């Protein structure tokens, strides 16, 4: 049984009473899994180290977002020149909420 002690902006209720699901699906967690496995190997029990868990989640989210910016750059490069593609990628990376949303999804 899930009990939310803070805002519920990352989970939504299902049709079953008291049951919630993530708004992001399994993707962010599966992407962060290798990072968490490595951190667990070094700490012994990552659940006992919330700061390490937090930093690991932020690192995995940053890698995912940086990868998406590179993908947007190469996609734009297929249609425009190098400088225009760079401008599109920078606008995507710095002008959208992709950084904040991705990092919140893992914590």
Protein backbone atom coordinates (compact mmCIF):
# COMPACT_ATOMS: atom_id res chain seq x y z
CA UNK A 1 0.00 0.00 0.00
CA UNK A 2 1.52 3.30 -1.13
CA UNK A 3 1.28 6.25 1.22
CA UNK A 4 2.34 9.60 -0.27
CA UNK A 5 3.93 11.95 2.24
CA UNK A 6 4.44 14.76 -0.27
CA UNK A 7 3.06 16.07 -3.52
CA UNK A 8 1.74 13.47 -5.93
CA UNK A 9 2.80 15.09 -9.21
CA UNK A 10 4.77 12.04 -10.38
CA UNK A 11 2.12 9.43 -9.66
CA UNK A 12 -1.51 9.12 -10.68
CA UNK A 13 -4.25 7.05 -9.07
CA UNK A 14 -5.50 3.95 -10.83
CA UNK A 15 -9.05 2.64 -10.82
CA UNK A 16 -8.18 0.66 -7.66
CA UNK A 17 -8.43 2.47 -4.34
CA UNK A 18 -5.01 3.41 -2.91
CA UNK A 19 -3.06 2.14 -5.93
CA UNK A 20 -0.87 4.58 -7.86
CA UNK A 21 1.32 4.34 -10.95
CA UNK A 22 4.16 6.51 -12.22
CA UNK A 23 3.38 9.02 -14.94
CA UNK A 24 6.65 8.09 -16.67
CA UNK A 25 6.32 4.33 -17.02
CA UNK A 26 9.20 1.87 -16.62
CA UNK A 27 11.67 3.65 -18.96
CA UNK A 28 13.45 6.00 -16.53
CA UNK A 29 13.87 3.28 -13.92
CA UNK A 30 15.20 0.76 -16.42
CA UNK A 31 17.62 3.34 -17.82
CA UNK A 32 18.92 4.11 -14.32
CA UNK A 33 19.20 0.44 -13.32
CA UNK A 34 22.86 -0.04 -14.41
CA UNK A 35 23.90 3.08 -12.48
CA UNK A 36 22.08 1.87 -9.38
CA UNK A 37 23.63 -1.59 -9.66
CA UNK A 38 27.12 -0.10 -9.75
CA UNK A 39 26.33 2.17 -6.80
CA UNK A 40 24.90 -0.78 -4.87
CA UNK A 41 28.10 -2.74 -5.45
CA UNK A 42 30.16 0.09 -3.95
CA UNK A 43 27.87 0.91 -1.01
CA UNK A 44 26.70 -2.59 -0.11
CA UNK A 45 23.11 -1.40 0.36
CA UNK A 46 22.10 1.64 -1.63
CA UNK A 47 18.78 1.90 0.21
CA UNK A 48 20.71 2.72 3.38
CA UNK A 49 22.44 5.66 1.64
CA UNK A 50 19.72 8.06 0.44
CA UNK A 51 22.20 10.74 -0.66
CA UNK A 52 24.03 8.26 -2.89
CA UNK A 53 20.72 7.10 -4.30
CA UNK A 54 19.69 10.70 -4.97
CA UNK A 55 22.98 11.59 -6.69
CA UNK A 56 22.89 8.38 -8.73
CA UNK A 57 19.38 9.15 -9.95
CA UNK A 58 20.37 12.69 -10.91
CA UNK A 59 23.45 11.39 -12.74
CA UNK A 60 21.43 8.84 -14.72
CA UNK A 61 18.85 11.50 -15.62
CA UNK A 62 21.58 13.88 -16.76
CA UNK A 63 23.11 11.22 -18.99
CA UNK A 64 19.69 10.45 -20.50
CA UNK A 65 18.94 14.09 -21.21
CA UNK A 66 22.41 14.76 -22.64
CA UNK A 67 21.88 11.78 -24.92
CA UNK A 68 18.54 13.15 -26.05
CA UNK A 69 20.15 16.50 -26.88
CA UNK A 70 22.76 14.70 -28.99
CA UNK A 71 19.96 12.79 -30.73
CA UNK A 72 18.09 16.04 -31.47
CA UNK A 73 21.32 17.53 -32.83
CA UNK A 74 21.87 14.64 -35.25
CA UNK A 75 18.21 14.61 -36.27
CA UNK A 76 18.35 18.33 -37.03
CA UNK A 77 21.69 17.85 -38.83
CA UNK A 78 19.93 15.57 -41.31
CA UNK A 79 17.74 18.52 -42.38
CA UNK A 80 19.92 21.61 -41.80
CA UNK A 81 23.53 22.72 -41.53
CA UNK A 82 25.79 22.19 -38.52
CA UNK A 83 25.20 25.59 -36.90
CA UNK A 84 21.44 25.45 -37.35
CA UNK A 85 21.38 21.93 -35.88
CA UNK A 86 23.44 23.16 -32.94
CA UNK A 87 20.97 26.01 -32.40
CA UNK A 88 18.03 23.58 -32.46
CA UNK A 89 19.75 21.23 -29.99
CA UNK A 90 20.61 24.12 -27.66
CA UNK A 91 17.07 25.44 -27.84
CA UNK A 92 15.75 21.98 -27.00
CA UNK A 93 18.21 21.38 -24.17
CA UNK A 94 18.09 24.81 -22.57
CA UNK A 95 14.66 26.07 -23.57
CA UNK A 96 12.49 23.16 -22.50
CA UNK A 97 11.77 21.46 -19.20
CA UNK A 98 13.53 18.27 -20.28
CA UNK A 99 16.24 18.69 -17.61
CA UNK A 100 13.94 19.22 -14.67
CA UNK A 101 11.31 16.65 -15.64
CA UNK A 102 13.82 13.87 -16.28
CA UNK A 103 15.68 14.41 -13.03
CA UNK A 104 12.46 14.43 -11.02
CA UNK A 105 11.23 11.19 -12.58
CA UNK A 106 14.02 9.16 -11.01
CA UNK A 107 13.79 10.43 -7.49
